[in-house]
Amino acid sequence: MIECHEVIPGSPRWHALRLPVLTASDIGAAAGVDKHKTPLALSAEKTGLLPPGFENKMMRRGRWFEAAGINAI
């Protein structure tokens, strides 16, 4: 089933709508081929066992260097 919601990507409402469903961003982890998220971590995230805003080392590093990349461009 496809649903349309008028929300801003990245907003708290957007994250809340995506939390309980398997999205394209989750497929690699669900299939066990994502280098940064295991199927167990995905399951914990979707069932609410991981706190909101959970991040791994790669996500944290990406955020740290995001501003530098934008400034370089």
N, C-alpha and C. Protein backbone atom coordinates (compact mmCIF):
# COMPACT_ATOMS: atom_id res chain seq x y z
N MET A 1 0.84 -1.16 0.00
CA MET A 1 0.00 0.00 0.00
C MET A 1 0.89 1.24 0.00
N ILE A 2 0.57 2.21 -0.80
CA ILE A 2 1.31 3.46 -0.89
C ILE A 2 0.48 4.56 -0.24
N GLU A 3 1.14 5.31 0.65
CA GLU A 3 0.48 6.43 1.31
C GLU A 3 1.25 7.70 0.98
N CYS A 4 0.54 8.80 0.84
CA CYS A 4 1.18 10.10 0.60
C CYS A 4 0.97 10.98 1.83
N HIS A 5 2.06 11.55 2.31
CA HIS A 5 2.00 12.45 3.45
C HIS A 5 2.78 13.70 3.09
N GLU A 6 2.23 14.85 3.37
CA GLU A 6 2.93 16.10 3.10
C GLU A 6 3.75 16.47 4.33
N VAL A 7 4.97 15.97 4.36
CA VAL A 7 5.89 16.28 5.46
C VAL A 7 7.25 16.63 4.87
N ILE A 8 8.03 17.32 5.64
CA ILE A 8 9.36 17.72 5.20
C ILE A 8 10.33 16.58 5.50
N PRO A 9 11.04 16.07 4.48
CA PRO A 9 12.01 15.00 4.73
C PRO A 9 13.02 15.44 5.79
N GLY A 10 13.27 14.54 6.72
CA GLY A 10 14.21 14.82 7.81
C GLY A 10 13.56 15.40 9.04
N SER A 11 12.29 15.80 8.95
CA SER A 11 11.60 16.38 10.10
C SER A 11 11.23 15.26 11.09
N PRO A 12 10.94 15.62 12.33
CA PRO A 12 10.54 14.59 13.31
C PRO A 12 9.31 13.78 12.85
N ARG A 13 8.35 14.45 12.22
CA ARG A 13 7.17 13.72 11.72
C ARG A 13 7.56 12.74 10.63
N TRP A 14 8.45 13.14 9.76
CA TRP A 14 8.93 12.27 8.67
C TRP A 14 9.58 11.02 9.26
N HIS A 15 10.43 11.21 10.27
CA HIS A 15 11.09 10.06 10.91
C HIS A 15 10.06 9.17 11.60
N ALA A 16 9.08 9.77 12.25
CA ALA A 16 8.05 8.98 12.94
C ALA A 16 7.24 8.14 11.96
N LEU A 17 6.95 8.68 10.79
CA LEU A 17 6.19 7.93 9.79
C LEU A 17 7.00 6.77 9.22
N ARG A 18 8.31 6.95 9.11
CA ARG A 18 9.18 5.91 8.53
C ARG A 18 9.56 4.82 9.53
N LEU A 19 9.50 5.13 10.82
CA LEU A 19 10.00 4.20 11.82
C LEU A 19 9.40 2.79 11.74
N PRO A 20 8.08 2.64 11.68
CA PRO A 20 7.54 1.28 11.74
C PRO A 20 7.53 0.49 10.43
N VAL A 21 7.96 1.10 9.33
CA VAL A 21 7.88 0.41 8.04
C VAL A 21 9.28 0.13 7.48
N LEU A 22 9.37 -0.89 6.66
CA LEU A 22 10.61 -1.23 5.98
C LEU A 22 10.69 -0.37 4.72
N THR A 23 11.68 0.51 4.67
CA THR A 23 11.83 1.41 3.54
C THR A 23 13.00 0.96 2.67
N ALA A 24 13.17 1.60 1.53
CA ALA A 24 14.27 1.27 0.64
C ALA A 24 15.61 1.42 1.34
N SER A 25 15.72 2.35 2.26
CA SER A 25 16.96 2.55 3.01
C SER A 25 17.28 1.37 3.92
N ASP A 26 16.29 0.54 4.22
CA ASP A 26 16.47 -0.58 5.15
C ASP A 26 16.74 -1.91 4.45
N ILE A 27 16.54 -1.98 3.15
CA ILE A 27 16.61 -3.25 2.46
C ILE A 27 17.96 -3.94 2.60
N GLY A 28 19.05 -3.18 2.47
CA GLY A 28 20.38 -3.78 2.61
C GLY A 28 20.59 -4.43 3.97
N ALA A 29 20.16 -3.74 5.02
CA ALA A 29 20.29 -4.29 6.37
C ALA A 29 19.40 -5.52 6.53
N ALA A 30 18.18 -5.46 6.00
CA ALA A 30 17.26 -6.59 6.11
C ALA A 30 17.82 -7.83 5.39
N ALA A 31 18.53 -7.59 4.28
CA ALA A 31 19.11 -8.70 3.51
C ALA A 31 20.45 -9.15 4.07
N GLY A 32 20.98 -8.42 5.05
CA GLY A 32 22.25 -8.80 5.65
C GLY A 32 23.47 -8.39 4.85
N VAL A 33 23.31 -7.41 3.94
CA VAL A 33 24.44 -6.99 3.11
C VAL A 33 24.88 -5.55 3.38
N ASP A 34 24.25 -4.89 4.33
CA ASP A 34 24.64 -3.52 4.70
C ASP A 34 25.88 -3.59 5.58
N LYS A 35 26.91 -2.82 5.22
CA LYS A 35 28.16 -2.85 5.99
C LYS A 35 28.03 -2.14 7.34
N HIS A 36 27.02 -1.30 7.49
CA HIS A 36 26.93 -0.46 8.66
C HIS A 36 25.77 -0.78 9.60
N LYS A 37 24.86 -1.64 9.17
CA LYS A 37 23.72 -1.99 10.03
C LYS A 37 23.39 -3.46 9.85
N THR A 38 23.33 -4.18 10.94
CA THR A 38 23.00 -5.60 10.90
C THR A 38 21.48 -5.78 10.90
N PRO A 39 21.02 -6.96 10.49
CA PRO A 39 19.58 -7.22 10.58
C PRO A 39 19.06 -7.08 12.01
N LEU A 40 19.88 -7.46 12.99
CA LEU A 40 19.47 -7.33 14.39
C LEU A 40 19.31 -5.86 14.77
N ALA A 41 20.25 -5.01 14.35
CA ALA A 41 20.14 -3.58 14.65
C ALA A 41 18.91 -2.98 13.97
N LEU A 42 18.63 -3.41 12.75
CA LEU A 42 17.44 -2.93 12.05
C LEU A 42 16.18 -3.33 12.81
N SER A 43 16.13 -4.57 13.25
CA SER A 43 14.97 -5.04 14.00
C SER A 43 14.80 -4.25 15.30
N ALA A 44 15.91 -4.01 16.00
CA ALA A 44 15.84 -3.25 17.25
C ALA A 44 15.38 -1.82 16.98
N GLU A 45 15.82 -1.26 15.88
CA GLU A 45 15.40 0.10 15.52
C GLU A 45 13.90 0.15 15.21
N LYS A 46 13.42 -0.80 14.42
CA LYS A 46 12.01 -0.81 14.00
C LYS A 46 11.05 -1.14 15.13
N THR A 47 11.52 -1.88 16.13
CA THR A 47 10.64 -2.26 17.24
C THR A 47 10.77 -1.31 18.42
N GLY A 48 11.63 -0.30 18.30
CA GLY A 48 11.77 0.69 19.35
C GLY A 48 12.74 0.32 20.45
N LEU A 49 13.52 -0.75 20.27
CA LEU A 49 14.49 -1.14 21.28
C LEU A 49 15.72 -0.24 21.28
N LEU A 50 16.03 0.38 20.16
CA LEU A 50 17.10 1.37 20.10
C LEU A 50 16.46 2.73 20.27
N PRO A 51 17.11 3.62 21.01
CA PRO A 51 16.53 4.95 21.22
C PRO A 51 16.47 5.75 19.93
N PRO A 52 15.51 6.66 19.81
CA PRO A 52 15.44 7.52 18.62
C PRO A 52 16.75 8.29 18.48
N GLY A 53 17.15 8.46 17.25
CA GLY A 53 18.38 9.18 17.00
C GLY A 53 19.63 8.33 17.13
N PHE A 54 19.46 7.02 17.25
CA PHE A 54 20.62 6.13 17.32
C PHE A 54 21.49 6.34 16.09
N GLU A 55 22.78 6.36 16.31
CA GLU A 55 23.70 6.48 15.18
C GLU A 55 24.89 5.58 15.39
N ASN A 56 25.46 5.13 14.28
CA ASN A 56 26.67 4.33 14.38
C ASN A 56 27.88 5.22 14.08
N LYS A 57 29.07 4.65 14.11
CA LYS A 57 30.29 5.43 13.90
C LYS A 57 30.31 6.13 12.54
N MET A 58 29.86 5.44 11.51
CA MET A 58 29.89 6.02 10.16
C MET A 58 28.93 7.21 10.05
N MET A 59 27.76 7.11 10.65
CA MET A 59 26.80 8.21 10.61
C MET A 59 27.36 9.42 11.33
N ARG A 60 27.97 9.18 12.49
CA ARG A 60 28.56 10.27 13.27
C ARG A 60 29.69 10.94 12.49
N ARG A 61 30.56 10.16 11.88
CA ARG A 61 31.67 10.70 11.09
C ARG A 61 31.14 11.52 9.91
N GLY A 62 30.11 11.03 9.26
CA GLY A 62 29.52 11.76 8.14
C GLY A 62 28.99 13.11 8.55
N ARG A 63 28.35 13.17 9.72
CA ARG A 63 27.84 14.44 10.21
C ARG A 63 28.97 15.40 10.56
N TRP A 64 30.06 14.88 11.15
CA TRP A 64 31.20 15.72 11.50
C TRP A 64 31.81 16.37 10.26
N PHE A 65 31.90 15.61 9.18
CA PHE A 65 32.58 16.11 7.98
C PHE A 65 31.64 16.76 6.96
N GLU A 66 30.35 16.75 7.23
CA GLU A 66 29.38 17.31 6.30
C GLU A 66 29.65 18.79 6.02
N ALA A 67 29.87 19.57 7.04
CA ALA A 67 30.11 21.00 6.85
C ALA A 67 31.39 21.24 6.07
N ALA A 68 32.42 20.46 6.36
CA ALA A 68 33.70 20.62 5.63
C ALA A 68 33.51 20.31 4.15
N GLY A 69 32.74 19.29 3.85
CA GLY A 69 32.48 18.94 2.44
C GLY A 69 31.72 20.03 1.73
N ILE A 70 30.72 20.58 2.39
CA ILE A 70 29.93 21.65 1.78
C ILE A 70 30.81 22.88 1.56
N ASN A 71 31.64 23.22 2.55
CA ASN A 71 32.55 24.37 2.40
C ASN A 71 33.55 24.15 1.28
N ALA A 72 34.02 22.93 1.10
CA ALA A 72 34.99 22.64 0.04
C ALA A 72 34.37 22.81 -1.34
N ILE A 73 33.10 22.51 -1.45
CA ILE A 73 32.43 22.64 -2.76
C ILE A 73 32.22 24.08 -3.06
